[in-house]
N, C-alpha and C. Protein backbone atom coordinates (compact mmCIF):
# COMPACT_ATOMS: atom_id res chain seq x y z
N MET A 1 0.65 -1.25 -0.25
CA MET A 1 0.27 -0.14 0.06
C MET A 1 1.13 1.98 -0.20
N SER A 2 1.97 1.04 0.75
CA SER A 2 2.73 2.20 0.82
C SER A 2 3.54 2.56 -0.39
N ILE A 3 3.96 1.67 -1.46
CA ILE A 3 4.15 1.75 -2.50
C ILE A 3 3.45 2.48 -3.09
N VAL A 4 1.69 2.00 -3.27
CA VAL A 4 1.29 2.90 -4.60
C VAL A 4 0.44 3.88 -3.54
N ARG A 5 0.84 4.26 -2.63
CA ARG A 5 0.48 6.04 -2.50
C ARG A 5 2.46 6.95 -2.66
N ARG A 6 3.01 6.49 -2.67
CA ARG A 6 4.44 6.84 -3.11
C ARG A 6 3.99 7.29 -4.64
N GLY A 7 3.88 6.22 -5.33
CA GLY A 7 4.06 6.70 -6.72
C GLY A 7 2.82 7.51 -6.77
N ALA A 8 1.68 7.72 -6.68
CA ALA A 8 0.85 8.70 -6.39
C ALA A 8 1.05 10.07 -6.21
N ALA A 9 2.14 9.64 -4.76
CA ALA A 9 2.23 11.22 -4.79
C ALA A 9 3.60 12.02 -6.02
N ALA A 10 4.02 10.67 -6.30
CA ALA A 10 5.24 11.49 -7.53
C ALA A 10 4.72 11.96 -8.81
N PHE A 11 3.69 11.40 -8.83
CA PHE A 11 2.71 11.35 -10.18
C PHE A 11 2.05 12.90 -10.12
N LEU A 12 1.18 13.25 -8.28
CA LEU A 12 0.94 14.81 -8.55
C LEU A 12 2.05 15.63 -8.33
N VAL A 13 3.38 14.94 -8.13
CA VAL A 13 4.23 16.20 -8.08
C VAL A 13 4.59 16.15 -9.87
N LEU A 14 5.04 15.50 -10.59
CA LEU A 14 4.94 15.69 -11.79
C LEU A 14 3.51 16.30 -12.59
N VAL A 15 2.80 16.02 -12.02
CA VAL A 15 1.85 17.04 -12.64
C VAL A 15 1.79 18.47 -12.55
N ILE A 16 2.30 18.72 -11.47
CA ILE A 16 2.19 20.24 -10.53
C ILE A 16 3.11 20.72 -11.31
N ALA A 17 4.55 19.86 -11.90
CA ALA A 17 5.76 20.44 -12.57
C ALA A 17 5.31 20.86 -13.96
N ALA A 18 4.83 20.14 -14.44
CA ALA A 18 4.14 20.40 -16.11
C ALA A 18 3.07 21.70 -15.78
N ALA A 19 2.17 21.63 -14.98
CA ALA A 19 1.19 23.04 -15.28
C ALA A 19 2.19 24.21 -14.86
N SER A 20 3.23 23.96 -13.72
CA SER A 20 3.78 25.27 -13.20
C SER A 20 4.53 25.85 -14.74
N GLY A 21 4.65 25.03 -15.84
CA GLY A 21 5.56 25.02 -16.67
C GLY A 21 5.48 25.37 -17.93
N CYS A 22 3.54 25.26 -18.13
CA CYS A 22 3.00 25.97 -18.97
C CYS A 22 2.47 27.28 -18.68
N ALA A 23 2.73 27.61 -17.52
CA ALA A 23 2.30 29.13 -17.12
C ALA A 23 2.94 30.35 -17.63
N LYS A 24 1.96 31.24 -18.13
CA LYS A 24 2.69 32.70 -18.75
C LYS A 24 3.45 32.91 -17.76
N LYS A 25 4.73 33.47 -18.65
CA LYS A 25 5.75 34.33 -17.20
C LYS A 25 6.04 35.82 -18.18
N ASP A 26 6.04 36.61 -17.17
CA ASP A 26 6.23 38.00 -17.54
C ASP A 26 8.09 37.64 -18.14
N SER A 27 8.16 38.28 -19.22
CA SER A 27 9.66 38.28 -20.14
C SER A 27 10.15 39.68 -18.76
N ILE A 28 9.68 40.34 -19.11
CA ILE A 28 9.76 41.71 -18.33
C ILE A 28 10.32 41.57 -17.23
N THR A 29 10.12 40.40 -16.06
CA THR A 29 10.68 40.75 -15.28
C THR A 29 11.24 39.38 -14.79
N VAL A 30 11.26 38.38 -15.74
CA VAL A 30 12.23 36.94 -15.35
C VAL A 30 14.06 37.09 -16.89
N GLY A 31 13.10 38.09 -17.48
CA GLY A 31 14.24 37.79 -18.78
C GLY A 31 14.93 38.70 -18.48
N ALA A 32 16.71 38.42 -19.07
CA ALA A 32 17.57 39.12 -18.49
C ALA A 32 17.41 40.68 -19.74
N VAL A 33 17.72 41.93 -19.00
CA VAL A 33 18.09 42.89 -19.64
C VAL A 33 19.24 42.84 -21.12
N PRO A 34 18.49 43.14 -22.21
CA PRO A 34 20.12 42.86 -22.76
C PRO A 34 21.62 43.85 -22.68
N ASP A 35 22.49 43.60 -22.12
CA ASP A 35 23.97 44.20 -22.04
C ASP A 35 24.84 44.20 -22.61
N ASP A 36 24.67 44.14 -23.97
CA ASP A 36 25.92 43.34 -25.37
C ASP A 36 26.40 45.11 -25.56
N TYR A 37 27.33 45.12 -26.04
CA TYR A 37 27.72 46.75 -26.61
C TYR A 37 27.06 46.13 -28.22
N ARG A 38 27.44 45.44 -28.53
CA ARG A 38 26.83 44.94 -30.34
C ARG A 38 25.20 45.71 -30.19
N THR A 39 24.65 45.49 -28.87
CA THR A 39 23.37 46.19 -29.01
C THR A 39 22.96 47.53 -29.10
N ASN A 40 24.10 47.80 -27.29
CA ASN A 40 24.33 49.56 -27.41
C ASN A 40 24.93 50.06 -28.29
N HIS A 41 25.66 49.25 -29.37
CA HIS A 41 26.32 50.59 -30.55
C HIS A 41 26.50 49.90 -31.80
N PRO A 42 24.88 48.87 -31.83
CA PRO A 42 25.26 48.42 -33.57
C PRO A 42 25.67 49.21 -34.83
N ILE A 43 26.30 48.20 -35.38
CA ILE A 43 26.50 48.44 -37.05
C ILE A 43 25.86 49.26 -37.52
N VAL A 44 25.67 50.10 -38.39
CA VAL A 44 24.14 50.17 -39.17
C VAL A 44 24.94 50.84 -40.90
N LEU A 45 24.30 50.24 -41.69
CA LEU A 45 24.79 51.08 -43.29
C LEU A 45 23.98 52.39 -43.31
N THR A 46 24.62 53.00 -42.85
CA THR A 46 23.99 54.69 -43.83
C THR A 46 24.61 55.31 -45.40
N GLU A 47 24.08 56.10 -45.69
CA GLU A 47 24.50 56.37 -47.14
C GLU A 47 25.48 57.90 -46.97
N LYS A 48 26.54 58.11 -47.28
CA LYS A 48 27.08 59.43 -46.85
C LYS A 48 27.86 59.83 -47.78
N GLU A 49 27.63 61.17 -47.86
CA GLU A 49 28.46 61.96 -49.67
C GLU A 49 29.98 62.15 -48.97
N GLN A 50 30.90 61.40 -50.08
CA GLN A 50 31.75 61.76 -50.51
C GLN A 50 32.43 63.38 -51.08
N THR A 51 33.35 64.02 -50.88
CA THR A 51 33.54 65.38 -50.89
C THR A 51 34.50 65.50 -51.28
N LEU A 52 35.12 66.19 -52.41
CA LEU A 52 36.71 66.89 -52.67
C LEU A 52 36.14 68.32 -53.41
N ASP A 53 36.98 69.15 -52.46
CA ASP A 53 36.68 70.36 -53.27
C ASP A 53 38.61 70.70 -53.64
N LEU A 54 38.18 71.12 -54.63
CA LEU A 54 39.13 71.77 -55.56
C LEU A 54 39.87 73.41 -56.07
N PRO A 55 40.68 73.99 -55.26
CA PRO A 55 40.54 75.28 -55.61
C PRO A 55 41.43 75.56 -56.99
N VAL A 56 40.82 76.29 -57.61
CA VAL A 56 40.91 77.25 -59.15
C VAL A 56 41.57 78.45 -58.84
N GLY A 57 42.21 78.80 -59.55
CA GLY A 57 42.73 80.18 -59.99
C GLY A 57 42.00 80.68 -60.55
N MET A 58 42.01 82.04 -60.51
CA MET A 58 40.96 83.29 -61.86
C MET A 58 41.47 82.93 -63.13
N LEU A 59 43.15 82.53 -63.48
CA LEU A 59 43.00 82.42 -64.87
C LEU A 59 43.27 80.81 -65.13
N SER A 60 42.94 80.06 -64.71
CA SER A 60 43.16 78.27 -64.63
C SER A 60 41.14 78.38 -66.15
N TYR A 61 41.97 77.24 -66.95
CA TYR A 61 40.77 76.87 -67.94
C TYR A 61 40.97 75.67 -68.52
N ARG A 62 42.28 74.73 -67.99
CA ARG A 62 42.20 73.52 -67.36
C ARG A 62 42.25 72.62 -66.02
N MET A 63 42.08 71.44 -66.48
CA MET A 63 42.94 71.22 -65.14
C MET A 63 43.80 70.79 -64.75
N THR A 64 44.89 71.02 -64.12
CA THR A 64 46.48 70.99 -63.54
C THR A 64 46.39 69.26 -62.93
N PRO A 65 47.55 68.84 -63.42
CA PRO A 65 48.61 67.42 -62.91
C PRO A 65 47.72 67.53 -61.57
N GLN A 66 48.06 68.67 -60.93
CA GLN A 66 47.75 68.28 -59.34
C GLN A 66 46.41 67.71 -59.39
N GLN A 67 45.25 68.85 -60.01
CA GLN A 67 44.23 68.00 -59.53
C GLN A 67 43.51 66.65 -60.29
N LYS A 68 44.59 66.49 -61.49
CA LYS A 68 43.60 65.23 -62.04
C LYS A 68 44.20 64.27 -61.08
N VAL A 69 45.21 63.86 -60.65
CA VAL A 69 45.40 63.00 -59.40
C VAL A 69 44.92 62.71 -57.96
N ALA A 70 44.82 63.94 -58.16
CA ALA A 70 43.05 64.16 -57.12
C ALA A 70 42.59 63.96 -56.90
N VAL A 71 41.83 63.89 -58.09
CA VAL A 71 40.29 63.86 -58.42
C VAL A 71 40.36 61.94 -58.60
N ASP A 72 41.60 61.41 -58.89
CA ASP A 72 41.97 60.27 -59.88
C ASP A 72 41.85 59.10 -58.40
N GLY A 73 42.07 59.99 -57.01
CA GLY A 73 42.28 58.92 -56.12
C GLY A 73 41.19 59.15 -55.54
N PHE A 74 40.39 60.26 -55.66
CA PHE A 74 38.83 60.30 -54.33
C PHE A 74 38.00 59.74 -55.85
N MET A 75 37.68 59.48 -56.75
CA MET A 75 37.09 58.20 -57.09
C MET A 75 37.41 56.84 -57.10
N GLU A 76 38.48 56.66 -56.34
CA GLU A 76 39.23 55.37 -56.61
C GLU A 76 38.65 54.19 -56.73
N HIS A 77 36.87 54.53 -55.39
CA HIS A 77 36.04 53.70 -54.51
C HIS A 77 34.67 54.03 -55.51
N TYR A 78 34.87 54.75 -56.32
CA TYR A 78 33.65 54.85 -57.20
C TYR A 78 32.46 54.33 -57.16
N GLY A 79 33.29 52.86 -58.00
CA GLY A 79 32.37 52.23 -58.63
C GLY A 79 31.91 50.89 -56.95
N ASP A 80 32.33 50.95 -56.14
CA ASP A 80 31.73 50.61 -55.03
C ASP A 80 29.99 51.08 -54.51
N SER A 81 30.07 51.90 -54.97
CA SER A 81 28.64 53.13 -55.30
C SER A 81 27.80 52.56 -55.93
N GLY A 82 27.91 52.00 -56.76
CA GLY A 82 27.46 51.32 -57.90
C GLY A 82 26.73 52.42 -58.65
N ASN A 83 27.75 52.96 -59.19
CA ASN A 83 27.96 53.83 -60.35
C ASN A 83 26.85 55.18 -59.76
N ALA A 84 27.07 55.49 -58.44
CA ALA A 84 25.76 57.08 -58.26
C ALA A 84 26.10 58.11 -59.02
N ILE A 85 25.18 58.81 -59.25
CA ILE A 85 25.47 60.45 -59.98
C ILE A 85 26.44 61.14 -59.46
N VAL A 86 27.35 61.56 -59.75
CA VAL A 86 28.50 62.54 -59.30
C VAL A 86 28.33 63.89 -60.09
N THR A 87 28.31 64.78 -58.38
CA THR A 87 27.72 66.01 -58.66
C THR A 87 28.84 67.37 -58.90
N ILE A 88 28.80 67.76 -59.86
CA ILE A 88 29.78 69.01 -59.95
C ILE A 88 29.51 70.03 -59.45
N LEU A 89 29.81 71.17 -58.41
CA LEU A 89 29.17 72.18 -57.88
C LEU A 89 30.59 73.42 -58.30
N VAL A 90 29.56 73.89 -59.02
CA VAL A 90 30.51 75.22 -59.25
C VAL A 90 29.99 76.43 -58.60
N PRO A 91 31.18 77.22 -58.49
CA PRO A 91 30.57 79.03 -57.85
C PRO A 91 30.43 79.85 -58.87
N ALA A 92 29.72 80.19 -58.14
CA ALA A 92 28.41 81.13 -59.29
C ALA A 92 28.82 82.72 -58.29
N GLY A 93 29.38 83.66 -59.38
CA GLY A 93 29.04 84.65 -58.85
C GLY A 93 31.18 85.03 -58.67
N SER A 94 31.51 83.93 -57.76
CA SER A 94 33.01 84.13 -57.23
C SER A 94 34.48 84.74 -58.41
N ALA A 95 35.00 85.47 -57.44
CA ALA A 95 36.09 85.85 -58.36
C ALA A 95 36.70 85.52 -59.34
N ASN A 96 36.50 83.34 -59.50
CA ASN A 96 36.74 82.80 -60.18
C ASN A 96 36.21 82.19 -61.04
N GLY A 97 34.41 82.50 -61.18
CA GLY A 97 33.73 82.07 -61.06
C GLY A 97 33.61 81.57 -62.81
N GLN A 98 34.24 82.18 -63.53
CA GLN A 98 34.50 81.74 -64.72
C GLN A 98 35.64 80.81 -65.35
N ALA A 99 36.27 80.96 -64.37
CA ALA A 99 37.57 79.97 -64.93
C ALA A 99 37.27 78.33 -64.22
N ALA A 100 36.44 78.80 -62.93
CA ALA A 100 35.91 77.60 -62.48
C ALA A 100 35.01 76.67 -62.99
N ARG A 101 34.49 77.50 -64.28
CA ARG A 101 33.22 76.41 -64.88
C ARG A 101 34.00 75.92 -65.97
N ARG A 102 34.82 76.82 -66.94
CA ARG A 102 35.70 76.03 -67.41
C ARG A 102 36.51 74.80 -66.90
N VAL A 103 36.70 74.87 -65.85
CA VAL A 103 37.62 73.62 -65.17
C VAL A 103 36.58 72.57 -65.09
N SER A 104 35.35 72.66 -64.22
CA SER A 104 33.88 71.56 -64.65
C SER A 104 33.85 70.90 -65.81
N GLU A 105 33.77 71.71 -66.72
CA GLU A 105 33.58 70.75 -68.06
C GLU A 105 35.34 70.07 -67.62
N ASP A 106 36.05 70.45 -68.25
CA ASP A 106 37.40 69.36 -67.89
C ASP A 106 37.43 68.17 -67.21
N ILE A 107 36.86 68.29 -65.60
CA ILE A 107 36.39 67.09 -65.24
C ILE A 107 35.15 66.14 -65.32
N THR A 108 34.53 67.01 -66.42
CA THR A 108 33.03 66.38 -66.34
C THR A 108 34.04 65.43 -67.56
N HIS A 109 34.83 65.36 -68.88
CA HIS A 109 34.88 64.99 -69.42
C HIS A 109 36.30 63.92 -69.14
N PHE A 110 36.86 64.52 -67.77
CA PHE A 110 38.02 63.41 -66.82
C PHE A 110 36.99 62.39 -66.75
N LEU A 111 36.02 62.77 -65.82
CA LEU A 111 35.53 61.46 -65.17
C LEU A 111 34.94 60.19 -66.66
N HIS A 112 34.04 60.67 -67.35
CA HIS A 112 33.24 60.22 -68.33
C HIS A 112 34.95 59.10 -68.87
N ALA A 113 36.23 59.94 -68.80
CA ALA A 113 37.10 58.44 -69.67
C ALA A 113 37.91 57.75 -68.42
N ARG A 114 37.46 58.32 -66.76
CA ARG A 114 37.75 57.24 -66.00
C ARG A 114 36.66 56.43 -65.50
N GLY A 115 35.58 56.25 -66.15
CA GLY A 115 34.64 54.92 -66.15
C GLY A 115 33.72 55.56 -65.81
N VAL A 116 33.55 56.76 -65.81
CA VAL A 116 31.75 57.41 -65.12
C VAL A 116 31.02 56.88 -65.86
N PRO A 117 29.97 56.82 -66.20
CA PRO A 117 28.44 56.51 -67.68
C PRO A 117 28.22 57.57 -67.68
N ARG A 118 27.71 57.74 -68.96
CA ARG A 118 27.36 59.05 -69.72
C ARG A 118 25.86 59.73 -69.07
N GLY A 119 26.15 60.83 -68.34
CA GLY A 119 24.47 60.88 -67.67
C GLY A 119 24.41 60.36 -66.16
N HIS A 120 25.78 60.31 -65.70
CA HIS A 120 26.00 59.84 -64.19
C HIS A 120 26.84 61.05 -63.81
N VAL A 121 26.70 62.26 -64.79
CA VAL A 121 27.81 64.07 -63.63
C VAL A 121 26.55 64.91 -64.50
N GLN A 122 26.54 65.30 -62.90
CA GLN A 122 25.48 66.37 -63.24
C GLN A 122 26.04 67.95 -62.70
N THR A 123 26.14 69.00 -63.25
CA THR A 123 26.71 70.04 -63.01
C THR A 123 25.68 71.14 -62.23
N LEU A 124 26.28 71.41 -61.07
CA LEU A 124 25.16 72.88 -60.45
C LEU A 124 25.78 73.67 -60.06
N SER A 125 25.58 74.66 -59.48
CA SER A 125 25.81 75.93 -59.05
C SER A 125 25.32 76.09 -57.80
N TYR A 126 26.59 76.93 -56.76
CA TYR A 126 26.45 77.30 -55.63
C TYR A 126 26.56 78.56 -55.82
N HIS A 127 26.13 79.45 -54.66
CA HIS A 127 26.49 81.21 -54.65
C HIS A 127 27.69 81.20 -54.01
N ALA A 128 28.67 82.00 -54.00
CA ALA A 128 29.91 82.06 -53.44
C ALA A 128 30.32 83.92 -53.08
N PRO A 129 30.90 84.41 -52.92
CA PRO A 129 31.04 85.37 -52.62
C PRO A 129 31.73 86.29 -53.78
N THR A 130 31.71 87.19 -53.99
CA THR A 130 32.21 88.17 -55.48
C THR A 130 33.75 88.34 -54.65
N ASP A 131 34.11 88.54 -53.76
CA ASP A 131 35.75 89.24 -53.77
C ASP A 131 36.74 87.95 -53.19
N GLN A 132 35.90 86.19 -53.56
CA GLN A 132 36.51 85.08 -52.76
C GLN A 132 36.87 84.42 -54.25
N THR A 133 38.03 83.48 -54.43
CA THR A 133 38.08 82.64 -55.00
C THR A 133 37.92 81.25 -54.50
N ALA A 134 36.39 80.83 -54.98
CA ALA A 134 36.07 79.86 -54.13
C ALA A 134 36.19 77.96 -55.33
N PRO A 135 36.39 77.20 -54.27
CA PRO A 135 36.54 75.81 -54.98
C PRO A 135 35.47 75.36 -55.73
N VAL A 136 35.52 73.92 -56.45
CA VAL A 136 34.35 73.37 -56.92
C VAL A 136 34.60 72.12 -56.36
N ARG A 137 33.21 72.21 -56.06
CA ARG A 137 33.15 70.68 -55.65
C ARG A 137 32.77 69.63 -55.83
N ILE A 138 33.32 68.26 -55.75
CA ILE A 138 33.02 66.88 -56.79
C ILE A 138 32.14 66.50 -55.01
N THR A 139 31.18 65.79 -55.36
CA THR A 139 30.93 64.72 -54.33
C THR A 139 30.02 63.91 -55.12
N TYR A 140 29.60 62.40 -54.43
CA TYR A 140 28.83 61.20 -54.91
C TYR A 140 28.79 60.12 -53.57
N PRO A 141 27.19 60.30 -53.29
CA PRO A 141 26.96 59.16 -52.63
C PRO A 141 27.50 58.18 -52.08
N VAL A 142 27.96 57.34 -51.08
CA VAL A 142 28.47 55.70 -51.33
C VAL A 142 27.61 55.10 -49.50
N VAL A 143 27.82 54.02 -49.82
CA VAL A 143 27.22 53.28 -48.73
C VAL A 143 28.40 52.94 -47.29
N LYS A 144 28.30 53.66 -46.25
CA LYS A 144 29.45 53.15 -45.62
C LYS A 144 28.62 52.68 -43.87
N ALA A 145 29.47 51.60 -43.22
CA ALA A 145 28.94 51.28 -41.97
C ALA A 145 29.11 52.21 -41.27
N ALA A 146 28.49 52.30 -40.33
CA ALA A 146 29.39 52.98 -39.30
C ALA A 146 28.30 53.03 -37.89
N THR A 147 28.76 53.90 -36.76
CA THR A 147 27.63 53.68 -35.32
C THR A 147 27.36 55.29 -35.08
N GLY A 148 27.25 54.89 -33.64
CA GLY A 148 26.57 56.15 -33.57
C GLY A 148 27.70 56.81 -32.76
N PRO A 149 27.59 58.52 -32.33
CA PRO A 149 28.53 59.04 -31.82
C PRO A 149 28.91 58.11 -30.41
N CYS A 150 30.51 58.30 -29.99
CA CYS A 150 30.96 57.60 -28.73
C CYS A 150 31.18 58.70 -27.74
N GLY A 151 31.53 58.57 -27.05
CA GLY A 151 31.80 59.83 -25.23
C GLY A 151 30.71 59.64 -24.57
N ARG A 152 29.31 58.69 -25.02
CA ARG A 152 28.49 58.98 -24.06
C ARG A 152 28.63 58.50 -22.74
N TRP A 153 28.18 59.99 -21.67
CA TRP A 153 28.24 59.07 -20.04
C TRP A 153 26.75 60.01 -19.44
N PRO A 154 26.51 58.88 -19.31
CA PRO A 154 24.96 59.51 -18.51
C PRO A 154 24.78 58.90 -17.53
N GLU A 155 25.84 58.06 -16.83
CA GLU A 155 25.85 57.61 -15.27
C GLU A 155 27.04 57.80 -14.99
N ASP A 156 26.92 57.56 -13.67
CA ASP A 156 28.60 57.61 -12.73
C ASP A 156 29.16 56.13 -12.85
N LEU A 157 30.16 55.87 -13.52
CA LEU A 157 31.00 54.62 -13.59
C LEU A 157 30.88 54.21 -12.19
N LEU A 158 30.91 54.89 -11.24
CA LEU A 158 30.94 53.85 -10.31
C LEU A 158 29.70 52.99 -9.47
N ASP A 159 28.99 53.56 -10.35
CA ASP A 159 27.51 52.96 -9.40
C ASP A 159 27.56 51.72 -10.39
N THR A 160 27.19 50.83 -9.61
CA THR A 160 27.69 49.07 -10.69
C THR A 160 26.74 48.61 -9.76
N VAL A 161 25.94 49.09 -9.43
CA VAL A 161 24.95 48.20 -8.66
C VAL A 161 23.93 46.85 -9.35
N GLU A 162 23.57 47.21 -10.56
CA GLU A 162 22.73 46.44 -11.73
C GLU A 162 24.13 45.69 -12.22
N ASN A 163 25.74 45.82 -11.91
CA ASN A 163 26.58 44.91 -12.79
C ASN A 163 26.51 44.46 -14.44
N LYS A 164 26.39 46.13 -14.62
CA LYS A 164 26.34 46.21 -16.33
C LYS A 164 27.91 46.84 -17.01
N HIS A 165 27.31 46.91 -18.09
CA HIS A 165 28.33 47.60 -19.01
C HIS A 165 28.26 49.16 -18.98
N TYR A 166 28.56 49.95 -19.12
CA TYR A 166 28.54 51.49 -19.15
C TYR A 166 28.33 51.78 -20.03
N ALA A 167 27.97 52.84 -20.67
CA ALA A 167 27.20 53.19 -21.83
C ALA A 167 27.95 53.34 -22.90
N ASN A 168 29.21 53.63 -22.67
CA ASN A 168 29.98 54.30 -23.38
C ASN A 168 31.10 52.36 -24.04
N PHE A 169 30.46 51.57 -23.21
CA PHE A 169 31.35 50.62 -23.72
C PHE A 169 30.96 49.59 -24.79
N GLY A 170 32.75 49.97 -25.48
CA GLY A 170 32.54 48.73 -26.75
C GLY A 170 32.10 49.70 -27.81
N CYS A 171 32.01 50.73 -28.03
CA CYS A 171 31.62 51.97 -29.08
C CYS A 171 32.63 52.06 -29.29
N SER A 172 34.14 52.70 -29.49
CA SER A 172 35.04 52.33 -30.10
C SER A 172 35.24 51.07 -30.92
N TYR A 173 35.22 50.54 -30.03
CA TYR A 173 35.37 49.11 -30.99
C TYR A 173 34.46 48.81 -32.11
N GLN A 174 33.55 49.20 -31.56
CA GLN A 174 32.88 49.03 -32.79
C GLN A 174 32.84 49.82 -34.34
N ASN A 175 33.39 51.16 -33.48
CA ASN A 175 33.19 51.85 -34.66
C ASN A 175 34.68 51.86 -35.58
N ASN A 176 35.48 51.04 -34.72
CA ASN A 176 36.79 50.64 -35.61
C ASN A 176 36.93 49.42 -36.43
N LEU A 177 35.71 48.53 -36.04
CA LEU A 177 35.23 47.39 -36.82
C LEU A 177 35.12 47.78 -37.95
N ALA A 178 33.54 48.85 -38.05
CA ALA A 178 33.05 49.79 -38.94
C ALA A 178 33.56 50.26 -40.27
N ALA A 179 34.97 50.92 -39.33
CA ALA A 179 35.89 51.27 -40.09
C ALA A 179 36.65 50.63 -41.31
N GLN A 180 36.92 49.40 -40.25
CA GLN A 180 37.95 48.45 -41.60
C GLN A 180 36.88 47.64 -41.95
N ILE A 181 35.75 47.90 -42.65
CA ILE A 181 35.26 47.09 -43.46
C ILE A 181 35.34 47.17 -45.05
N ALA A 182 36.03 46.43 -45.62
CA ALA A 182 36.01 47.16 -47.07
C ALA A 182 34.96 47.28 -47.80
N ASN A 183 34.21 45.82 -47.58
CA ASN A 183 32.32 45.77 -48.31
C ASN A 183 31.55 46.46 -47.68
N PRO A 184 30.49 47.26 -47.17
CA PRO A 184 29.46 47.02 -45.57
C PRO A 184 28.34 46.37 -45.92
N MET A 185 28.39 45.90 -47.67
CA MET A 185 27.30 44.76 -47.56
C MET A 185 27.05 43.96 -47.72
N ASP A 186 28.99 43.42 -47.27
CA ASP A 186 28.90 42.67 -46.38
C ASP A 186 28.00 41.97 -45.28
N LEU A 187 27.84 43.11 -44.40
CA LEU A 187 27.14 43.21 -43.33
C LEU A 187 25.54 42.23 -43.38
N LEU A 188 25.02 42.60 -44.80
CA LEU A 188 23.64 42.01 -44.79
C LEU A 188 23.48 40.59 -45.35
N GLY A 189 24.62 39.62 -45.52
CA GLY A 189 24.63 38.64 -46.00
C GLY A 189 26.17 38.20 -47.02
N PRO A 190 26.32 36.88 -46.72
CA PRO A 190 27.24 36.55 -47.73
C PRO A 190 27.05 36.79 -48.98
N ARG A 191 28.45 36.74 -49.38
CA ARG A 191 28.69 36.51 -51.01
C ARG A 191 28.76 34.97 -51.43
N LYS A 192 27.95 35.27 -52.86
CA LYS A 192 28.34 33.95 -53.68
C LYS A 192 29.59 33.48 -53.82
N THR A 193 29.58 32.29 -53.19
CA THR A 193 30.73 31.54 -53.62
C THR A 193 30.91 31.46 -54.96
N THR A 194 32.46 31.19 -55.53
CA THR A 194 32.84 31.50 -56.76
C THR A 194 33.44 29.60 -56.88
N PRO A 195 32.87 29.58 -58.28
CA PRO A 195 33.06 27.99 -58.78
C PRO A 195 34.34 27.62 -58.10
N ILE A 196 34.86 26.31 -57.92
CA ILE A 196 36.16 26.05 -57.68
C ILE A 196 36.82 25.09 -58.55
N ASP A 197 37.50 25.35 -58.75
CA ASP A 197 39.01 25.25 -59.32
C ASP A 197 39.34 23.24 -59.70
N ALA A 198 38.14 22.70 -60.27
CA ALA A 198 38.24 21.06 -59.81
C ALA A 198 39.53 20.31 -60.40
N GLU A 199 40.08 21.02 -61.63
CA GLU A 199 41.62 20.14 -62.34
C GLU A 199 42.34 20.27 -60.87
N ASN A 200 42.81 21.95 -60.36
CA ASN A 200 43.78 21.92 -59.48
C ASN A 200 43.17 21.30 -57.82
N ARG A 201 41.92 21.19 -57.86
CA ARG A 201 41.97 20.27 -56.55
C ARG A 201 42.25 19.05 -56.53
N ASP A 202 41.61 18.69 -57.69
CA ASP A 202 42.64 16.98 -58.55
C ASP A 202 43.59 16.72 -58.12
N THR A 203 44.44 17.73 -58.85
CA THR A 203 45.72 17.40 -58.56
C THR A 203 46.40 17.14 -57.14
N ALA A 204 46.12 18.38 -56.35
CA ALA A 204 46.71 19.08 -55.08
C ALA A 204 45.96 17.38 -54.25
N ILE A 205 44.57 16.79 -54.31
CA ILE A 205 44.62 15.66 -53.61
C ILE A 205 45.10 14.51 -53.67
N GLY A 206 45.62 14.17 -55.50
CA GLY A 206 46.62 13.26 -56.20
C GLY A 206 47.86 13.50 -55.03
N ARG A 207 48.35 14.35 -55.22
CA ARG A 207 50.16 14.28 -54.65
C ARG A 207 50.00 14.34 -53.52
N TYR A 208 48.50 14.84 -52.45
CA TYR A 208 48.63 14.43 -51.06
C TYR A 208 48.73 12.76 -50.81
N LYS A 209 47.81 12.26 -51.36
CA LYS A 209 47.50 10.73 -50.99
C LYS A 209 48.68 10.08 -52.30
N THR A 210 49.57 10.09 -52.49
CA THR A 210 50.73 9.78 -53.22
C THR A 210 51.82 10.12 -52.01
N GLY A 211 51.82 11.13 -51.00
CA GLY A 211 53.09 11.35 -50.13
C GLY A 211 53.60 12.86 -50.87
N GLN A 212 53.29 13.56 -52.07
CA GLN A 212 53.89 14.70 -53.34
C GLN A 212 54.04 15.44 -52.26
N VAL A 213 54.29 15.74 -51.06
CA VAL A 213 54.17 17.36 -50.61
C VAL A 213 55.42 17.61 -49.94
N ALA A 214 55.68 19.19 -50.34
CA ALA A 214 56.83 19.43 -49.83
C ALA A 214 57.44 19.33 -48.13
N ASP A 215 58.34 19.50 -48.56
CA ASP A 215 59.04 19.26 -47.04
C ASP A 215 58.90 20.42 -46.11
N ASP A 216 58.86 21.70 -46.61
CA ASP A 216 58.76 21.95 -45.72
C ASP A 216 57.31 23.13 -44.94
N PHE A 217 56.86 21.67 -45.81
CA PHE A 217 55.23 21.93 -45.37
C PHE A 217 55.38 20.92 -44.11
N TRP A 218 55.61 20.05 -43.72
CA TRP A 218 55.39 19.21 -42.85
C TRP A 218 56.50 19.99 -41.83
N VAL A 219 57.68 20.51 -41.76
CA VAL A 219 58.32 21.50 -41.15
C VAL A 219 57.46 22.89 -40.65
N ARG A 220 56.47 23.08 -40.81
CA ARG A 220 55.68 24.31 -41.20
C ARG A 220 54.45 23.48 -39.98
N SER A 221 54.46 22.44 -40.50
CA SER A 221 52.77 21.72 -39.99
C SER A 221 53.20 21.48 -38.19
N GLU A 222 54.71 21.15 -38.20
CA GLU A 222 54.47 20.57 -37.25
C GLU A 222 54.63 21.74 -35.55
N VAL A 223 54.18 21.25 -34.49
CA VAL A 223 53.64 22.51 -33.37
C VAL A 223 55.19 21.88 -32.44
N ASP A 224 55.92 22.33 -31.54
CA ASP A 224 57.21 22.14 -30.67
C ASP A 224 56.72 22.86 -29.79
N TYR A 225 56.13 22.34 -28.74
CA TYR A 225 55.82 22.88 -27.42
C TYR A 225 57.01 22.94 -26.51
């Protein structure tokens, strides 16, 4: 009889445990509050303007070699933007206004020669003081990875009652990581894999099976502790 009672008691305990597991829980009360630097300082993709100001003399009528080098370096990563629209801003009303207009036409031809498609260069004007020489500005948008500004200290660092990271924790690391990403689109997903070189792979596997491996490979593969 005692065995039956113990079995019934054990069954009752299991039923209570199962019922308590199905009970609704308040995630705010029992869940952990996110305390991750990747959550506090997320890396996001934003579109930013790349800008280059070219000084133009009042007697200029063509691009100088120095200006060509500057524009060439400025447009080096233009293809990463998906052939966006390049805008040339020419000063209007300035002392070098006429010269800037002639140089801007030369810049347009120079950009087309460097691979910018036809119709992807627009020339606009901006107001400049009449007694000054204003630069010609070249801009185009690019997608960049970035985080929010660092340096937020909303609370006292000595207030560690909740044992959490301080607000600025991990911000500089996230900024440095975002600055080192060559292609920001890699954050959205992996790239398409390239096809394998089947012939080269078969040759390498065949040599490995027959022991035709360079001696320096075995030397570099061994680890001495």
